[in-house]
Amino acid sequence: MGHIAWSHSAKSGQPPGRAKLGLIFGYGSLAMIPVIAAIAGLVAPLVIRQREKVYEVQFTQNMKPIGSALLNYHEKHGSFPAELRLLEQDGLQPQLEELLKVRTSPTGDWLYFPKANIDEPKDALLVSPPIQHGKQALVMRVDSSIQKEAKSDLPSDSEALRIPSP
């Protein structure tokens, strides 16, 4: 638009003040596009990492009370419940569905291992839905420890119950 205004002012004999301003703003905005794109390229991975950290914190906070309820159930009955909803029926975890529902959750299922051996502290008991682009998940062990593990290191889900995120 600045070029059109420049030629119009030259033909009409008017001073090209506004035309110069139009050229400056036009070329200035063209120069800003790569700068903005570069900034967006630098900031996007940070935002993604922060979002994944939020998932990790939410899953950890939600896994702890479920793990406590599972261990209490085991103390009371001598085994882990066949299904997680038995924790609600037993009165050990009345907010189970809310804890399994992480509102900003990525897609995926929780995995529950009801046949975990209490004498093997490293046996997986509960596994969160995937985080970090599906490459890792949080694993709660029988000893109540929660660790982030690579998908390749996760226990086989052949003995796990899949629990869809509500």
N, C-alpha and C. Protein backbone atom coordinates (compact mmCIF):
# COMPACT_ATOMS: atom_id res chain seq x y z
N MET A 1 0.82 -1.19 0.00
CA MET A 1 0.00 0.00 0.00
C MET A 1 0.88 1.27 0.00
N GLY A 2 2.03 1.17 0.64
CA GLY A 2 2.93 2.32 0.68
C GLY A 2 3.41 2.70 -0.70
N HIS A 3 3.67 1.70 -1.56
CA HIS A 3 4.12 1.97 -2.93
C HIS A 3 3.03 2.67 -3.74
N ILE A 4 1.80 2.24 -3.56
CA ILE A 4 0.68 2.86 -4.28
C ILE A 4 0.54 4.31 -3.83
N ALA A 5 0.61 4.54 -2.52
CA ALA A 5 0.50 5.91 -2.00
C ALA A 5 1.67 6.76 -2.48
N TRP A 6 2.85 6.19 -2.56
CA TRP A 6 4.04 6.92 -3.02
C TRP A 6 3.85 7.37 -4.48
N SER A 7 3.38 6.46 -5.34
CA SER A 7 3.19 6.83 -6.75
C SER A 7 2.06 7.83 -6.89
N HIS A 8 1.02 7.70 -6.09
CA HIS A 8 -0.10 8.64 -6.14
C HIS A 8 0.36 10.03 -5.70
N SER A 9 1.17 10.11 -4.64
CA SER A 9 1.65 11.42 -4.18
C SER A 9 2.61 12.04 -5.19
N ALA A 10 3.39 11.20 -5.87
CA ALA A 10 4.32 11.73 -6.89
C ALA A 10 3.56 12.30 -8.07
N LYS A 11 2.47 11.63 -8.48
CA LYS A 11 1.67 12.10 -9.61
C LYS A 11 0.90 13.37 -9.27
N SER A 12 0.43 13.44 -8.05
CA SER A 12 -0.39 14.60 -7.66
C SER A 12 0.44 15.76 -7.13
N GLY A 13 1.72 15.56 -6.89
CA GLY A 13 2.59 16.61 -6.41
C GLY A 13 2.47 16.88 -4.92
N GLN A 14 1.85 16.00 -4.18
CA GLN A 14 1.72 16.16 -2.74
C GLN A 14 2.95 15.60 -2.04
N PRO A 15 3.25 16.09 -0.82
CA PRO A 15 4.41 15.55 -0.09
C PRO A 15 4.17 14.07 0.26
N PRO A 16 5.22 13.23 0.17
CA PRO A 16 5.04 11.78 0.38
C PRO A 16 5.17 11.35 1.85
N GLY A 17 4.84 12.18 2.80
CA GLY A 17 5.00 11.87 4.23
C GLY A 17 4.27 10.60 4.65
N ARG A 18 2.99 10.52 4.37
CA ARG A 18 2.22 9.33 4.74
C ARG A 18 2.65 8.12 3.94
N ALA A 19 3.04 8.34 2.71
CA ALA A 19 3.51 7.22 1.88
C ALA A 19 4.77 6.61 2.47
N LYS A 20 5.68 7.47 2.94
CA LYS A 20 6.91 6.96 3.58
C LYS A 20 6.57 6.16 4.84
N LEU A 21 5.63 6.69 5.61
CA LEU A 21 5.20 5.99 6.83
C LEU A 21 4.61 4.62 6.48
N GLY A 22 3.82 4.56 5.42
CA GLY A 22 3.24 3.29 4.97
C GLY A 22 4.31 2.30 4.55
N LEU A 23 5.33 2.78 3.85
CA LEU A 23 6.43 1.90 3.45
C LEU A 23 7.20 1.39 4.65
N ILE A 24 7.46 2.27 5.59
CA ILE A 24 8.22 1.88 6.79
C ILE A 24 7.45 0.80 7.57
N PHE A 25 6.15 1.04 7.81
CA PHE A 25 5.36 0.05 8.55
C PHE A 25 5.22 -1.26 7.77
N GLY A 26 5.05 -1.18 6.46
CA GLY A 26 4.92 -2.39 5.64
C GLY A 26 6.16 -3.25 5.70
N TYR A 27 7.33 -2.65 5.46
CA TYR A 27 8.57 -3.44 5.51
C TYR A 27 8.93 -3.84 6.94
N GLY A 28 8.57 -3.00 7.89
CA GLY A 28 8.82 -3.35 9.29
C GLY A 28 8.03 -4.58 9.71
N SER A 29 6.77 -4.65 9.27
CA SER A 29 5.97 -5.83 9.62
C SER A 29 6.49 -7.08 8.93
N LEU A 30 7.01 -6.95 7.71
CA LEU A 30 7.61 -8.10 7.03
C LEU A 30 8.85 -8.60 7.78
N ALA A 31 9.60 -7.67 8.33
CA ALA A 31 10.80 -8.06 9.08
C ALA A 31 10.44 -8.71 10.41
N MET A 32 9.28 -8.37 10.97
CA MET A 32 8.88 -8.91 12.28
C MET A 32 8.37 -10.35 12.18
N ILE A 33 7.87 -10.76 11.04
CA ILE A 33 7.32 -12.11 10.91
C ILE A 33 8.36 -13.18 11.23
N PRO A 34 9.58 -13.14 10.68
CA PRO A 34 10.55 -14.17 11.06
C PRO A 34 10.98 -14.09 12.52
N VAL A 35 11.00 -12.88 13.07
CA VAL A 35 11.37 -12.73 14.48
C VAL A 35 10.31 -13.39 15.36
N ILE A 36 9.06 -13.13 15.06
CA ILE A 36 7.97 -13.73 15.84
C ILE A 36 7.97 -15.25 15.67
N ALA A 37 8.22 -15.73 14.46
CA ALA A 37 8.27 -17.18 14.23
C ALA A 37 9.42 -17.81 15.01
N ALA A 38 10.56 -17.15 15.07
CA ALA A 38 11.71 -17.68 15.82
C ALA A 38 11.40 -17.72 17.31
N ILE A 39 10.77 -16.68 17.82
CA ILE A 39 10.41 -16.67 19.25
C ILE A 39 9.40 -17.77 19.55
N ALA A 40 8.42 -17.94 18.68
CA ALA A 40 7.43 -19.01 18.87
C ALA A 40 8.10 -20.38 18.83
N GLY A 41 9.07 -20.55 17.96
CA GLY A 41 9.80 -21.82 17.88
C GLY A 41 10.61 -22.10 19.14
N LEU A 42 11.08 -21.07 19.79
CA LEU A 42 11.83 -21.27 21.04
C LEU A 42 10.91 -21.50 22.23
N VAL A 43 9.76 -20.85 22.23
CA VAL A 43 8.85 -20.93 23.37
C VAL A 43 7.99 -22.19 23.35
N ALA A 44 7.63 -22.69 22.19
CA ALA A 44 6.73 -23.84 22.08
C ALA A 44 7.23 -25.07 22.84
N PRO A 45 8.50 -25.46 22.72
CA PRO A 45 8.95 -26.62 23.50
C PRO A 45 8.87 -26.40 25.02
N LEU A 46 9.09 -25.17 25.45
CA LEU A 46 8.99 -24.88 26.88
C LEU A 46 7.55 -25.04 27.37
N VAL A 47 6.60 -24.58 26.57
CA VAL A 47 5.20 -24.71 26.93
C VAL A 47 4.80 -26.18 26.98
N ILE A 48 5.26 -26.95 26.01
CA ILE A 48 4.94 -28.39 25.97
C ILE A 48 5.53 -29.09 27.18
N ARG A 49 6.78 -28.77 27.52
CA ARG A 49 7.41 -29.38 28.70
C ARG A 49 6.67 -29.03 29.98
N GLN A 50 6.23 -27.79 30.10
CA GLN A 50 5.49 -27.38 31.28
C GLN A 50 4.16 -28.12 31.38
N ARG A 51 3.49 -28.29 30.25
CA ARG A 51 2.22 -29.02 30.26
C ARG A 51 2.43 -30.47 30.70
N GLU A 52 3.49 -31.09 30.21
CA GLU A 52 3.79 -32.46 30.61
C GLU A 52 4.15 -32.53 32.10
N LYS A 53 4.81 -31.51 32.61
CA LYS A 53 5.13 -31.46 34.04
C LYS A 53 3.85 -31.37 34.86
N VAL A 54 2.87 -30.61 34.35
CA VAL A 54 1.57 -30.52 35.02
C VAL A 54 0.92 -31.89 35.08
N TYR A 55 0.94 -32.64 33.96
CA TYR A 55 0.39 -34.00 33.96
C TYR A 55 1.08 -34.85 35.01
N GLU A 56 2.40 -34.77 35.05
CA GLU A 56 3.17 -35.58 35.98
C GLU A 56 2.79 -35.26 37.43
N VAL A 57 2.69 -33.99 37.75
CA VAL A 57 2.33 -33.59 39.12
C VAL A 57 0.91 -34.05 39.44
N GLN A 58 -0.03 -33.87 38.52
CA GLN A 58 -1.41 -34.29 38.77
C GLN A 58 -1.50 -35.80 38.96
N PHE A 59 -0.83 -36.55 38.10
CA PHE A 59 -0.86 -38.01 38.24
C PHE A 59 -0.26 -38.43 39.58
N THR A 60 0.87 -37.83 39.95
CA THR A 60 1.52 -38.18 41.22
C THR A 60 0.59 -37.88 42.39
N GLN A 61 -0.02 -36.70 42.39
CA GLN A 61 -0.92 -36.34 43.48
C GLN A 61 -2.13 -37.26 43.54
N ASN A 62 -2.59 -37.73 42.41
CA ASN A 62 -3.75 -38.61 42.39
C ASN A 62 -3.39 -40.06 42.71
N MET A 63 -2.17 -40.46 42.40
CA MET A 63 -1.76 -41.85 42.65
C MET A 63 -1.54 -42.13 44.14
N LYS A 64 -1.05 -41.14 44.87
CA LYS A 64 -0.72 -41.35 46.28
C LYS A 64 -1.91 -41.82 47.11
N PRO A 65 -3.08 -41.14 47.07
CA PRO A 65 -4.20 -41.64 47.87
C PRO A 65 -4.73 -42.98 47.38
N ILE A 66 -4.66 -43.23 46.08
CA ILE A 66 -5.10 -44.53 45.58
C ILE A 66 -4.17 -45.62 46.11
N GLY A 67 -2.86 -45.36 46.08
CA GLY A 67 -1.89 -46.33 46.60
C GLY A 67 -2.09 -46.60 48.07
N SER A 68 -2.36 -45.55 48.84
CA SER A 68 -2.61 -45.74 50.28
C SER A 68 -3.85 -46.60 50.49
N ALA A 69 -4.90 -46.33 49.71
CA ALA A 69 -6.12 -47.12 49.84
C ALA A 69 -5.87 -48.58 49.45
N LEU A 70 -5.05 -48.80 48.41
CA LEU A 70 -4.73 -50.18 48.01
C LEU A 70 -3.97 -50.92 49.10
N LEU A 71 -3.02 -50.24 49.72
CA LEU A 71 -2.26 -50.88 50.80
C LEU A 71 -3.15 -51.13 52.02
N ASN A 72 -4.04 -50.22 52.33
CA ASN A 72 -4.99 -50.44 53.43
C ASN A 72 -5.91 -51.62 53.13
N TYR A 73 -6.36 -51.72 51.89
CA TYR A 73 -7.20 -52.84 51.48
C TYR A 73 -6.42 -54.15 51.65
N HIS A 74 -5.15 -54.14 51.24
CA HIS A 74 -4.33 -55.34 51.36
C HIS A 74 -4.15 -55.74 52.82
N GLU A 75 -3.94 -54.78 53.69
CA GLU A 75 -3.81 -55.08 55.12
C GLU A 75 -5.10 -55.68 55.67
N LYS A 76 -6.22 -55.16 55.22
CA LYS A 76 -7.52 -55.58 55.73
C LYS A 76 -7.95 -56.95 55.19
N HIS A 77 -7.65 -57.20 53.90
CA HIS A 77 -8.17 -58.41 53.24
C HIS A 77 -7.09 -59.42 52.87
N GLY A 78 -5.83 -59.06 52.96
CA GLY A 78 -4.75 -60.00 52.64
C GLY A 78 -4.40 -60.06 51.16
N SER A 79 -5.07 -59.28 50.35
CA SER A 79 -4.75 -59.22 48.90
C SER A 79 -5.22 -57.87 48.37
N PHE A 80 -4.76 -57.55 47.18
CA PHE A 80 -5.23 -56.33 46.54
C PHE A 80 -6.60 -56.61 45.94
N PRO A 81 -7.44 -55.59 45.81
CA PRO A 81 -8.78 -55.82 45.25
C PRO A 81 -8.71 -56.25 43.79
N ALA A 82 -9.66 -57.08 43.39
CA ALA A 82 -9.72 -57.55 42.01
C ALA A 82 -10.01 -56.38 41.07
N GLU A 83 -10.73 -55.38 41.54
CA GLU A 83 -11.04 -54.17 40.76
C GLU A 83 -10.89 -52.97 41.68
N LEU A 84 -10.49 -51.85 41.09
CA LEU A 84 -10.29 -50.65 41.90
C LEU A 84 -11.57 -50.13 42.53
N ARG A 85 -12.71 -50.36 41.88
CA ARG A 85 -13.96 -49.84 42.44
C ARG A 85 -14.30 -50.48 43.78
N LEU A 86 -13.66 -51.60 44.11
CA LEU A 86 -13.88 -52.22 45.41
C LEU A 86 -13.34 -51.33 46.54
N LEU A 87 -12.42 -50.45 46.22
CA LEU A 87 -11.93 -49.49 47.22
C LEU A 87 -13.05 -48.56 47.65
N GLU A 88 -13.88 -48.15 46.70
CA GLU A 88 -15.03 -47.29 47.02
C GLU A 88 -16.05 -48.06 47.85
N GLN A 89 -16.33 -49.29 47.44
CA GLN A 89 -17.32 -50.09 48.15
C GLN A 89 -16.88 -50.40 49.57
N ASP A 90 -15.58 -50.52 49.76
CA ASP A 90 -15.04 -50.81 51.09
C ASP A 90 -14.89 -49.54 51.93
N GLY A 91 -15.14 -48.38 51.32
CA GLY A 91 -15.06 -47.12 52.03
C GLY A 91 -13.64 -46.59 52.19
N LEU A 92 -12.68 -47.19 51.49
CA LEU A 92 -11.29 -46.77 51.63
C LEU A 92 -10.94 -45.58 50.74
N GLN A 93 -11.62 -45.45 49.60
CA GLN A 93 -11.33 -44.33 48.70
C GLN A 93 -12.62 -43.90 48.02
N PRO A 94 -13.39 -43.01 48.69
CA PRO A 94 -14.68 -42.61 48.14
C PRO A 94 -14.56 -41.71 46.89
N GLN A 95 -13.40 -41.13 46.66
CA GLN A 95 -13.23 -40.22 45.51
C GLN A 95 -12.42 -40.87 44.39
N LEU A 96 -12.50 -42.16 44.24
CA LEU A 96 -11.68 -42.87 43.28
C LEU A 96 -11.86 -42.35 41.85
N GLU A 97 -13.08 -42.18 41.42
CA GLU A 97 -13.32 -41.74 40.04
C GLU A 97 -12.71 -40.35 39.81
N GLU A 98 -12.83 -39.47 40.79
CA GLU A 98 -12.24 -38.13 40.66
C GLU A 98 -10.72 -38.20 40.58
N LEU A 99 -10.12 -39.12 41.33
CA LEU A 99 -8.66 -39.25 41.30
C LEU A 99 -8.17 -39.82 39.98
N LEU A 100 -8.96 -40.69 39.37
CA LEU A 100 -8.57 -41.26 38.08
C LEU A 100 -8.80 -40.27 36.94
N LYS A 101 -9.62 -39.27 37.20
CA LYS A 101 -9.93 -38.28 36.17
C LYS A 101 -8.98 -37.10 36.35
N VAL A 102 -8.04 -36.99 35.46
CA VAL A 102 -7.17 -35.83 35.43
C VAL A 102 -7.69 -34.98 34.29
N ARG A 103 -8.25 -33.85 34.61
CA ARG A 103 -8.97 -33.04 33.62
C ARG A 103 -8.14 -32.69 32.39
N THR A 104 -6.86 -32.48 32.56
CA THR A 104 -6.02 -32.13 31.42
C THR A 104 -5.27 -33.35 30.91
N SER A 105 -5.80 -34.50 31.23
CA SER A 105 -5.11 -35.75 30.94
C SER A 105 -4.93 -36.01 29.45
N PRO A 106 -3.75 -36.51 29.09
CA PRO A 106 -3.61 -37.01 27.74
C PRO A 106 -4.43 -38.30 27.60
N THR A 107 -4.64 -38.71 26.39
CA THR A 107 -5.43 -39.92 26.20
C THR A 107 -4.64 -41.13 26.65
N GLY A 108 -5.33 -42.09 27.14
CA GLY A 108 -4.70 -43.33 27.58
C GLY A 108 -5.41 -43.89 28.79
N ASP A 109 -5.09 -45.11 29.10
CA ASP A 109 -5.71 -45.81 30.22
C ASP A 109 -4.75 -45.94 31.39
N TRP A 110 -5.33 -46.01 32.57
CA TRP A 110 -4.57 -46.39 33.75
C TRP A 110 -4.42 -47.91 33.69
N LEU A 111 -3.34 -48.43 34.24
CA LEU A 111 -3.15 -49.87 34.35
C LEU A 111 -3.05 -50.23 35.83
N TYR A 112 -3.83 -51.22 36.24
CA TYR A 112 -3.83 -51.66 37.63
C TYR A 112 -3.44 -53.13 37.64
N PHE A 113 -2.49 -53.49 38.50
CA PHE A 113 -1.99 -54.86 38.60
C PHE A 113 -2.47 -55.48 39.91
N PRO A 114 -3.64 -56.12 39.91
CA PRO A 114 -4.20 -56.67 41.15
C PRO A 114 -3.41 -57.86 41.70
N LYS A 115 -2.59 -58.50 40.86
CA LYS A 115 -1.83 -59.67 41.32
C LYS A 115 -0.42 -59.30 41.76
N ALA A 116 -0.17 -58.01 42.01
CA ALA A 116 1.16 -57.60 42.47
C ALA A 116 1.47 -58.28 43.79
N ASN A 117 2.73 -58.65 43.95
CA ASN A 117 3.17 -59.36 45.14
C ASN A 117 3.66 -58.35 46.18
N ILE A 118 3.04 -58.34 47.33
CA ILE A 118 3.40 -57.38 48.38
C ILE A 118 4.83 -57.61 48.87
N ASP A 119 5.35 -58.82 48.71
CA ASP A 119 6.71 -59.13 49.15
C ASP A 119 7.77 -58.70 48.14
N GLU A 120 7.35 -58.27 46.97
CA GLU A 120 8.26 -57.77 45.93
C GLU A 120 8.04 -56.27 45.80
N PRO A 121 8.81 -55.45 46.52
CA PRO A 121 8.56 -54.01 46.52
C PRO A 121 8.64 -53.36 45.14
N LYS A 122 9.31 -53.97 44.20
CA LYS A 122 9.44 -53.37 42.87
C LYS A 122 8.33 -53.79 41.91
N ASP A 123 7.39 -54.61 42.36
CA ASP A 123 6.25 -54.97 41.53
C ASP A 123 5.40 -53.74 41.27
N ALA A 124 4.97 -53.57 40.04
CA ALA A 124 4.11 -52.45 39.68
C ALA A 124 2.71 -52.69 40.21
N LEU A 125 2.12 -51.65 40.73
CA LEU A 125 0.77 -51.73 41.24
C LEU A 125 -0.20 -50.89 40.41
N LEU A 126 0.24 -49.69 40.03
CA LEU A 126 -0.60 -48.78 39.27
C LEU A 126 0.28 -48.00 38.30
N VAL A 127 -0.17 -47.87 37.05
CA VAL A 127 0.59 -47.15 36.02
C VAL A 127 -0.33 -46.08 35.43
N SER A 128 0.18 -44.85 35.36
CA SER A 128 -0.61 -43.73 34.84
C SER A 128 -0.74 -43.82 33.32
N PRO A 129 -1.67 -43.04 32.76
CA PRO A 129 -1.68 -42.89 31.30
C PRO A 129 -0.35 -42.28 30.86
N PRO A 130 0.01 -42.45 29.60
CA PRO A 130 1.30 -41.94 29.12
C PRO A 130 1.44 -40.43 29.25
N ILE A 131 2.66 -40.00 29.54
CA ILE A 131 3.02 -38.59 29.53
C ILE A 131 4.23 -38.44 28.62
N GLN A 132 4.64 -37.24 28.37
CA GLN A 132 5.80 -36.94 27.52
C GLN A 132 5.69 -37.62 26.15
N HIS A 133 4.71 -37.19 25.40
CA HIS A 133 4.48 -37.68 24.03
C HIS A 133 4.29 -39.20 24.00
N GLY A 134 3.75 -39.77 25.06
CA GLY A 134 3.51 -41.20 25.10
C GLY A 134 4.73 -42.05 25.32
N LYS A 135 5.88 -41.43 25.62
CA LYS A 135 7.12 -42.19 25.78
C LYS A 135 7.37 -42.62 27.21
N GLN A 136 6.70 -42.00 28.18
CA GLN A 136 6.90 -42.33 29.59
C GLN A 136 5.58 -42.35 30.32
N ALA A 137 5.60 -43.00 31.48
CA ALA A 137 4.43 -43.03 32.36
C ALA A 137 4.95 -43.08 33.79
N LEU A 138 4.07 -42.77 34.72
CA LEU A 138 4.41 -42.88 36.13
C LEU A 138 3.98 -44.26 36.62
N VAL A 139 4.86 -44.90 37.39
CA VAL A 139 4.59 -46.24 37.89
C VAL A 139 4.63 -46.20 39.41
N MET A 140 3.54 -46.65 40.03
CA MET A 140 3.52 -46.80 41.49
C MET A 140 3.84 -48.25 41.81
N ARG A 141 4.85 -48.43 42.60
CA ARG A 141 5.28 -49.77 43.01
C ARG A 141 4.55 -50.18 44.29
N VAL A 142 4.69 -51.44 44.65
CA VAL A 142 4.05 -51.97 45.85
C VAL A 142 4.55 -51.24 47.09
N ASP A 143 5.79 -50.75 47.07
CA ASP A 143 6.33 -50.04 48.23
C ASP A 143 5.90 -48.57 48.26
N SER A 144 4.93 -48.18 47.45
CA SER A 144 4.36 -46.82 47.37
C SER A 144 5.28 -45.82 46.69
N SER A 145 6.40 -46.26 46.14
CA SER A 145 7.25 -45.32 45.41
C SER A 145 6.64 -45.06 44.04
N ILE A 146 6.81 -43.83 43.57
CA ILE A 146 6.29 -43.44 42.26
C ILE A 146 7.47 -42.96 41.44
N GLN A 147 7.65 -43.58 40.26
CA GLN A 147 8.78 -43.25 39.41
C GLN A 147 8.31 -43.07 37.98
N LYS A 148 8.98 -42.16 37.28
CA LYS A 148 8.71 -41.98 35.86
C LYS A 148 9.57 -42.98 35.11
N GLU A 149 8.94 -43.73 34.23
CA GLU A 149 9.68 -44.76 33.49
C GLU A 149 9.37 -44.68 32.01
N ALA A 150 10.35 -45.08 31.22
CA ALA A 150 10.17 -45.12 29.77
C ALA A 150 9.17 -46.21 29.42
N LYS A 151 8.48 -46.01 28.33
CA LYS A 151 7.46 -46.97 27.89
C LYS A 151 8.05 -48.37 27.71
N SER A 152 9.29 -48.43 27.24
CA SER A 152 9.93 -49.73 27.02
C SER A 152 10.23 -50.45 28.34
N ASP A 153 10.35 -49.70 29.45
CA ASP A 153 10.64 -50.30 30.75
C ASP A 153 9.40 -50.62 31.57
N LEU A 154 8.23 -50.27 31.04
CA LEU A 154 7.00 -50.50 31.79
C LEU A 154 6.70 -51.99 31.86
N PRO A 155 6.03 -52.41 32.93
CA PRO A 155 5.68 -53.82 33.03
C PRO A 155 4.71 -54.23 31.94
N SER A 156 4.74 -55.49 31.61
CA SER A 156 3.83 -56.02 30.60
C SER A 156 2.39 -55.84 31.08
N ASP A 157 1.55 -55.37 30.19
CA ASP A 157 0.17 -55.13 30.62
C ASP A 157 -0.73 -56.35 30.42
N SER A 158 -0.13 -57.52 30.24
CA SER A 158 -0.94 -58.73 30.04
C SER A 158 -1.70 -59.09 31.32
N GLU A 159 -1.13 -58.78 32.47
CA GLU A 159 -1.81 -59.09 33.74
C GLU A 159 -2.50 -57.86 34.33
N ALA A 160 -2.53 -56.79 33.60
CA ALA A 160 -3.08 -55.55 34.13
C ALA A 160 -4.54 -55.39 33.74
N LEU A 161 -5.27 -54.70 34.60
CA LEU A 161 -6.62 -54.27 34.28
C LEU A 161 -6.53 -52.87 33.71
N ARG A 162 -7.11 -52.66 32.55
CA ARG A 162 -7.11 -51.32 31.95
C ARG A 162 -8.30 -50.55 32.54
N ILE A 163 -8.00 -49.35 33.02
CA ILE A 163 -9.03 -48.50 33.59
C ILE A 163 -9.05 -47.21 32.78
N PRO A 164 -10.06 -47.03 31.95
CA PRO A 164 -10.12 -45.80 31.14
C PRO A 164 -10.25 -44.58 32.05
N SER A 165 -9.58 -43.50 31.68
CA SER A 165 -9.74 -42.25 32.43
C SER A 165 -11.19 -41.79 32.27
N PRO A 166 -11.89 -41.55 33.38
CA PRO A 166 -13.30 -41.14 33.28
C PRO A 166 -13.45 -39.81 32.59
